[in-house]
C-alpha atoms as a PDB file:
ATOM      1  CA  MET A   1      27.664  86.548 211.335  1.00  0.00           C
ATOM      2  CA  ARG A   2      24.963  87.790 212.959  1.00  0.00           C
ATOM      3  CA  THR A   3      26.066  87.811 216.371  1.00  0.00           C
ATOM      4  CA  ALA A   4      29.201  89.885 215.183  1.00  0.00           C
ATOM      5  CA  ILE A   5      27.257  91.826 212.782  1.00  0.00           C
ATOM      6  CA  ALA A   6      24.385  92.742 216.202  1.00  0.00           C
ATOM      7  CA  ASP A   7      27.632  94.042 218.302  1.00  0.00           C
ATOM      8  CA  LEU A   8      28.698  96.634 215.636  1.00  0.00           C
ATOM      9  CA  SER A   9      27.614 100.340 216.342  1.00  0.00           C
ATOM     10  CA  ASP A  10      25.372 102.455 214.174  1.00  0.00           C
ATOM     11  CA  GLU A  11      28.459 104.110 212.539  1.00  0.00           C
ATOM     12  CA  ASP A  12      30.823 100.331 211.426  1.00  0.00           C
ATOM     13  CA  PHE A  13      27.105 100.794 209.211  1.00  0.00           C
ATOM     14  CA  ALA A  14      28.763 103.388 207.352  1.00  0.00           C
ATOM     15  CA  ARG A  15      32.181 101.689 207.119  1.00  0.00           C
ATOM     16  CA  PRO A  16      33.934 100.401 204.063  1.00  0.00           C
ATOM     17  CA  SER A  17      33.173  96.549 203.799  1.00  0.00           C
ATOM     18  CA  GLY A  18      35.860  94.062 201.688  1.00  0.00           C
ATOM     19  CA  CYS A  19      33.255  94.257 198.817  1.00  0.00           C
ATOM     20  CA  ALA A  20      33.639  96.769 196.161  1.00  0.00           C
ATOM     21  CA  ARG A  21      32.327  99.379 196.374  1.00  0.00           C
ATOM     22  CA  TRP A  22      29.968  98.028 198.924  1.00  0.00           C
ATOM     23  CA  LEU A  23      29.827 100.398 203.073  1.00  0.00           C
ATOM     24  CA  VAL A  24      28.731  97.389 205.281  1.00  0.00           C
ATOM     25  CA  ARG A  25      25.013  98.165 204.864  1.00  0.00           C
ATOM     26  CA  ASP A  26      25.408  97.546 201.677  1.00  0.00           C
ATOM     27  CA  LEU A  27      27.117  93.894 202.757  1.00  0.00           C
ATOM     28  CA  VAL A  28      24.147  93.401 205.231  1.00  0.00           C
ATOM     29  CA  CYS A  29      21.528  94.210 202.949  1.00  0.00           C
ATOM     30  CA  HIS A  30      23.158  91.359 200.921  1.00  0.00           C
ATOM     31  CA  LEU A  31      23.489  89.145 203.196  1.00  0.00           C
ATOM     32  CA  ILE A  32      19.701  89.476 204.105  1.00  0.00           C
ATOM     33  CA  ILE A  33      19.495  89.188 199.904  1.00  0.00           C
ATOM     34  CA  ASP A  34      21.747  85.039 200.352  1.00  0.00           C
ATOM     35  CA  ALA A  35      18.912  84.253 203.686  1.00  0.00           C
ATOM     36  CA  GLN A  36      16.412  84.807 201.983  1.00  0.00           C
ATOM     37  CA  ASP A  37      17.643  82.766 199.233  1.00  0.00           C
ATOM     38  CA  VAL A  38      18.545  79.546 201.185  1.00  0.00           C
ATOM     39  CA  LEU A  39      14.991  79.394 202.341  1.00  0.00           C
ATOM     40  CA  ILE A  40      13.475  79.305 199.232  1.00  0.00           C
ATOM     41  CA  THR A  41      16.210  76.352 198.115  1.00  0.00           C
ATOM     42  CA  LEU A  42      15.619  74.368 201.253  1.00  0.00           C
ATOM     43  CA  VAL A  43      12.112  74.385 199.862  1.00  0.00           C
ATOM     44  CA  THR A  44      12.652  74.063 196.102  1.00  0.00           C
ATOM     45  CA  PRO A  45      13.326  70.213 195.774  1.00  0.00           C
ATOM     46  CA  ALA A  46      14.644  68.499 192.593  1.00  0.00           C
ATOM     47  CA  GLU A  47      13.120  65.935 190.328  1.00  0.00           C
ATOM     48  CA  THR A  48      16.435  64.647 189.474  1.00  0.00           C
ATOM     49  CA  GLU A  49      19.213  63.392 191.169  1.00  0.00           C
ATOM     50  CA  PRO A  50      22.319  65.661 191.883  1.00  0.00           C
ATOM     51  CA  THR A  51      24.878  67.178 188.850  1.00  0.00           C
ATOM     52  CA  TRP A  52      26.375  69.390 191.688  1.00  0.00           C
ATOM     53  CA  ASP A  53      28.057  70.282 194.330  1.00  0.00           C
ATOM     54  CA  ALA A  54      29.677  71.851 196.677  1.00  0.00           C
ATOM     55  CA  ILE A  55      32.879  72.696 194.921  1.00  0.00           C
ATOM     56  CA  THR A  56      31.538  72.016 190.902  1.00  0.00           C
ATOM     57  CA  TYR A  57      28.295  74.611 192.117  1.00  0.00           C
ATOM     58  CA  TRP A  58      30.314  77.470 191.482  1.00  0.00           C
ATOM     59  CA  ASP A  59      31.944  79.529 189.075  1.00  0.00           C
ATOM     60  CA  VAL A  60      34.780  80.542 188.739  1.00  0.00           C
ATOM     61  CA  SER A  61      36.641  83.137 186.697  1.00  0.00           C
ATOM     62  CA  ASP A  62      39.684  85.418 187.136  1.00  0.00           C
ATOM     63  CA  THR A  63      37.983  89.362 186.843  1.00  0.00           C
ATOM     64  CA  PRO A  64      36.992  90.522 190.945  1.00  0.00           C
ATOM     65  CA  PRO A  65      34.219  91.961 191.266  1.00  0.00           C
ATOM     66  CA  THR A  66      33.497  95.799 190.465  1.00  0.00           C
ATOM     67  CA  GLY A  67      31.103  96.891 192.132  1.00  0.00           C
ATOM     68  CA  ASP A  68      29.188  97.905 188.546  1.00  0.00           C
ATOM     69  CA  ASP A  69      27.116  95.556 188.418  1.00  0.00           C
ATOM     70  CA  PRO A  70      22.931  96.414 187.656  1.00  0.00           C
ATOM     71  CA  LEU A  71      22.458  94.088 191.267  1.00  0.00           C
ATOM     72  CA  ASP A  72      24.899  95.132 193.163  1.00  0.00           C
ATOM     73  CA  SER A  73      24.081  98.767 192.412  1.00  0.00           C
ATOM     74  CA  LEU A  74      20.010  97.765 193.048  1.00  0.00           C
ATOM     75  CA  ILE A  75      21.737  96.812 196.726  1.00  0.00           C
ATOM     76  CA  ILE A  76      22.897  99.405 196.994  1.00  0.00           C
ATOM     77  CA  ARG A  77      19.384 101.094 197.071  1.00  0.00           C
ATOM     78  CA  LEU A  78      17.860  98.472 198.468  1.00  0.00           C
ATOM     79  CA  ALA A  79      19.730  99.395 202.331  1.00  0.00           C
ATOM     80  CA  ALA A  80      19.800 102.947 201.724  1.00  0.00           C
ATOM     81  CA  ALA A  81      15.900 102.072 202.065  1.00  0.00           C
ATOM     82  CA  TYR A  82      16.128 100.733 205.579  1.00  0.00           C
ATOM     83  CA  GLU A  83      17.594 103.745 206.686  1.00  0.00           C
ATOM     84  CA  GLU A  84      17.862 102.905 210.145  1.00  0.00           C
ATOM     85  CA  PRO A  85      20.901 100.256 211.176  1.00  0.00           C
ATOM     86  CA  ARG A  86      18.814  98.610 213.481  1.00  0.00           C
ATOM     87  CA  LEU A  87      16.655  97.446 210.765  1.00  0.00           C
ATOM     88  CA  LEU A  88      19.103  96.143 209.077  1.00  0.00           C
ATOM     89  CA  LYS A  89      19.977  93.475 211.865  1.00  0.00           C
ATOM     90  CA  PHE A  90      16.173  93.263 212.857  1.00  0.00           C
ATOM     91  CA  HIS A  91      15.622  91.934 209.430  1.00  0.00           C
ATOM     92  CA  LEU A  92      19.283  89.743 209.222  1.00  0.00           C
ATOM     93  CA  ASP A  93      18.855  87.911 212.190  1.00  0.00           C
ATOM     94  CA  ASP A  94      15.804  87.212 211.870  1.00  0.00           C
ATOM     95  CA  VAL A  95      15.589  85.774 208.027  1.00  0.00           C
ATOM     96  CA  GLY A  96      19.131  84.066 209.506  1.00  0.00           C
ATOM     97  CA  SER A  97      17.469  82.501 212.299  1.00  0.00           C
ATOM     98  CA  ALA A  98      15.397  80.553 210.520  1.00  0.00           C
ATOM     99  CA  VAL A  99      17.777  79.500 208.312  1.00  0.00           C
ATOM    100  CA  GLY A 100      19.482  78.083 210.351  1.00  0.00           C
ATOM    101  CA  ARG A 101      16.200  76.434 212.045  1.00  0.00           C
ATOM    102  CA  ALA A 102      15.698  75.677 208.713  1.00  0.00           C
ATOM    103  CA  ALA A 103      19.086  73.714 207.743  1.00  0.00           C
ATOM    104  CA  GLU A 104      19.351  71.978 211.097  1.00  0.00           C
ATOM    105  CA  LEU A 105      15.529  70.574 210.025  1.00  0.00           C
ATOM    106  CA  ALA A 106      16.621  69.668 206.260  1.00  0.00           C
ATOM    107  CA  ASP A 107      17.669  65.802 205.426  1.00  0.00           C
ATOM    108  CA  PRO A 108      21.287  66.523 203.423  1.00  0.00           C
ATOM    109  CA  ALA A 109      20.297  64.149 201.583  1.00  0.00           C
ATOM    110  CA  VAL A 110      17.459  65.709 199.589  1.00  0.00           C
ATOM    111  CA  PRO A 111      18.056  66.314 196.056  1.00  0.00           C
ATOM    112  CA  VAL A 112      17.092  70.580 195.522  1.00  0.00           C
ATOM    113  CA  THR A 113      18.062  72.528 192.595  1.00  0.00           C
ATOM    114  CA  THR A 114      18.587  76.170 192.446  1.00  0.00           C
ATOM    115  CA  GLN A 115      19.561  78.236 189.182  1.00  0.00           C
ATOM    116  CA  GLY A 116      19.478  74.977 187.477  1.00  0.00           C
ATOM    117  CA  LYS A 117      21.756  74.112 189.279  1.00  0.00           C
ATOM    118  CA  VAL A 118      20.246  70.432 191.016  1.00  0.00           C
ATOM    119  CA  LEU A 119      22.392  69.563 194.131  1.00  0.00           C
ATOM    120  CA  THR A 120      22.141  68.164 197.648  1.00  0.00           C
ATOM    121  CA  VAL A 121      20.965  69.989 199.843  1.00  0.00           C
ATOM    122  CA  GLY A 122      24.366  69.008 202.318  1.00  0.00           C
ATOM    123  CA  ASP A 123      26.452  70.038 199.450  1.00  0.00           C
ATOM    124  CA  TYR A 124      24.434  73.014 199.346  1.00  0.00           C
ATOM    125  CA  LEU A 125      25.482  74.652 202.383  1.00  0.00           C
ATOM    126  CA  CYS A 126      28.387  73.518 202.588  1.00  0.00           C
ATOM    127  CA  ALA A 127      28.861  75.595 199.282  1.00  0.00           C
ATOM    128  CA  TYR A 128      27.464  78.823 202.139  1.00  0.00           C
ATOM    129  CA  VAL A 129      29.995  77.991 204.712  1.00  0.00           C
ATOM    130  CA  LEU A 130      32.352  79.099 202.041  1.00  0.00           C
ATOM    131  CA  GLU A 131      29.648  81.844 200.520  1.00  0.00           C
ATOM    132  CA  TRP A 132      28.538  82.832 204.073  1.00  0.00           C
ATOM    133  CA  THR A 133      32.609  83.176 205.279  1.00  0.00           C
ATOM    134  CA  LEU A 134      34.156  85.281 203.063  1.00  0.00           C
ATOM    135  CA  HIS A 135      31.667  87.404 203.381  1.00  0.00           C
ATOM    136  CA  HIS A 136      32.494  87.640 207.187  1.00  0.00           C
ATOM    137  CA  LEU A 137      36.043  88.354 206.457  1.00  0.00           C
ATOM    138  CA  ASP A 138      34.779  91.006 204.633  1.00  0.00           C
ATOM    139  CA  LEU A 139      32.265  92.723 206.930  1.00  0.00           C
ATOM    140  CA  ILE A 140      35.770  92.520 209.256  1.00  0.00           C
ATOM    141  CA  ALA A 141      38.116  94.248 206.291  1.00  0.00           C
ATOM    142  CA  HIS A 142      37.515  97.451 207.919  1.00  0.00           C
ATOM    143  CA  LEU A 143      36.704  96.810 211.345  1.00  0.00           C
ATOM    144  CA  SER A 144      39.334  95.726 213.345  1.00  0.00           C
ATOM    145  CA  ASP A 145      37.376  95.202 216.642  1.00  0.00           C
ATOM    146  CA  THR A 146      35.125  92.647 215.502  1.00  0.00           C
ATOM    147  CA  ALA A 147      34.497  89.412 215.911  1.00  0.00           C
ATOM    148  CA  GLU A 148      35.768  87.179 213.374  1.00  0.00           C
ATOM    149  CA  PRO A 149      34.581  83.286 211.476  1.00  0.00           C
ATOM    150  CA  PRO A 150      34.834  80.922 214.322  1.00  0.00           C
ATOM    151  CA  ALA A 151      38.190  79.106 213.163  1.00  0.00           C
ATOM    152  CA  GLU A 152      36.378  76.126 212.023  1.00  0.00           C
ATOM    153  CA  CYS A 153      34.325  77.994 209.371  1.00  0.00           C
ATOM    154  CA  LEU A 154      37.921  79.501 208.358  1.00  0.00           C
ATOM    155  CA  ALA A 155      39.457  75.906 207.536  1.00  0.00           C
ATOM    156  CA  ARG A 156      36.203  74.213 205.944  1.00  0.00           C
ATOM    157  CA  SER A 157      36.704  76.689 203.097  1.00  0.00           C
ATOM    158  CA  ARG A 158      40.347  76.825 203.351  1.00  0.00           C
ATOM    159  CA  GLU A 159      40.061  73.388 202.063  1.00  0.00           C
ATOM    160  CA  ILE A 160      36.769  73.427 199.698  1.00  0.00           C
ATOM    161  CA  LEU A 161      38.307  76.980 198.267  1.00  0.00           C
ATOM    162  CA  GLU A 162      41.916  74.489 197.232  1.00  0.00           C
ATOM    163  CA  LYS A 163      39.200  72.030 196.189  1.00  0.00           C
ATOM    164  CA  ILE A 164      38.075  74.450 193.586  1.00  0.00           C
ATOM    165  CA  ALA A 165      41.735  75.778 192.405  1.00  0.00           C
ATOM    166  CA  GLY A 166      43.214  72.187 192.026  1.00  0.00           C
ATOM    167  CA  ALA A 167      45.683  73.086 195.156  1.00  0.00           C
ATOM    168  CA  ALA A 168      46.803  73.248 197.951  1.00  0.00           C
ATOM    169  CA  PHE A 169      47.834  77.108 199.504  1.00  0.00           C
ATOM    170  CA  PRO A 170      51.175  77.291 201.505  1.00  0.00           C
ATOM    171  CA  ALA A 171      50.756  75.785 204.881  1.00  0.00           C
ATOM    172  CA  SER A 172      52.639  78.976 206.290  1.00  0.00           C
ATOM    173  CA  LEU A 173      49.457  81.317 205.047  1.00  0.00           C
ATOM    174  CA  PRO A 174      46.792  80.801 207.832  1.00  0.00           C
ATOM    175  CA  ASP A 175      43.212  80.453 206.195  1.00  0.00           C
ATOM    176  CA  LYS A 176      42.009  83.825 206.570  1.00  0.00           C
ATOM    177  CA  ASP A 177      44.931  85.157 204.362  1.00  0.00           C
ATOM    178  CA  ALA A 178      44.329  82.080 202.551  1.00  0.00           C
ATOM    179  CA  LEU A 179      40.852  83.147 201.700  1.00  0.00           C
ATOM    180  CA  ARG A 180      41.757  86.658 200.867  1.00  0.00           C
ATOM    181  CA  VAL A 181      44.731  86.139 198.592  1.00  0.00           C
ATOM    182  CA  GLY A 182      42.412  82.884 197.044  1.00  0.00           C
ATOM    183  CA  THR A 183      39.326  85.153 196.377  1.00  0.00           C
ATOM    184  CA  GLY A 184      41.047  88.305 195.568  1.00  0.00           C
ATOM    185  CA  ARG A 185      40.612  89.679 197.799  1.00  0.00           C
ATOM    186  CA  ARG A 186      43.667  90.979 198.419  1.00  0.00           C
ATOM    187  CA  ALA A 187      46.269  91.227 196.390  1.00  0.00           C
ATOM    188  CA  PRO A 188      49.730  88.907 198.168  1.00  0.00           C
ATOM    189  CA  THR A 189      53.142  89.997 199.363  1.00  0.00           C
ATOM    190  CA  ASP A 190      55.492  89.570 198.000  1.00  0.00           C
ATOM    191  CA  ALA A 191      57.036  86.892 200.428  1.00  0.00           C
ATOM    192  CA  GLU A 192      53.785  85.006 199.696  1.00  0.00           C
ATOM    193  CA  GLN A 193      54.384  85.136 196.165  1.00  0.00           C
ATOM    194  CA  ALA A 194      57.181  83.504 196.716  1.00  0.00           C
ATOM    195  CA  GLU A 195      55.285  80.246 198.846  1.00  0.00           C
ATOM    196  CA  LEU A 196      52.492  80.305 196.624  1.00  0.00           C
ATOM    197  CA  GLY A 197      54.830  79.558 193.679  1.00  0.00           C
ATOM    198  CA  GLU A 198      52.973  78.229 190.431  1.00  0.00           C
ATOM    199  CA  LEU A 199      50.114  78.652 192.296  1.00  0.00           C
ATOM    200  CA  ALA A 200      50.366  82.236 192.508  1.00  0.00           C
ATOM    201  CA  ALA A 201      50.195  82.402 188.104  1.00  0.00           C
ATOM    202  CA  LYS A 202      45.897  81.208 188.561  1.00  0.00           C
ATOM    203  CA  LEU A 203      44.718  83.859 191.383  1.00  0.00           C
ATOM    204  CA  PRO A 204      42.182  84.926 192.129  1.00  0.00           C
ATOM    205  CA  PHE A 205      39.664  82.740 192.108  1.00  0.00           C
ATOM    206  CA  VAL A 206      36.539  85.034 192.369  1.00  0.00           C
ATOM    207  CA  LEU A 207      33.439  82.808 192.986  1.00  0.00           C
ATOM    208  CA  GLY A 208      30.187  83.133 191.644  1.00  0.00           C
END
């Protein structure tokens, strides 16, 4: 995803993203804050045993975000303060590459704490595979020439989402479509609705 963002043109940053009311620049700003949160969590060991995992970590609702949340508005103002896309690119690459190094060095069995939850480093990073794969799909929602998420990330994210849903999506539904439809990023087509069967009534699974 960092590579995909590094290859964006300045004009791309002013295009819409797949997140309600956010431009690409706003999404990239959010990713910078996400990366900072991951760094903080990786160096915040817990003194108790894990009580959450990569599945239960997520708060699930059926209401897609509208972009009206005060934190969403803060992201828009913060992104605008960068003024130049190259500054967003630099900050994301700087913090994002640090996250990659920290993740490789971290012991996956160590419990860490974030948002009042205790889970292992391995489960926490697994949850972020889903988080950042979904945001990679948000990034390319209106950018046809931008690289898609790696196939292994799409497959692993689908697996996590299916565990959250307690049901498998139809095998005929490609991973990226299962993720977009399953999380409310787009509505299913009539054909997809029929293939989803009873699962369609449970959609979307909005993760927070």
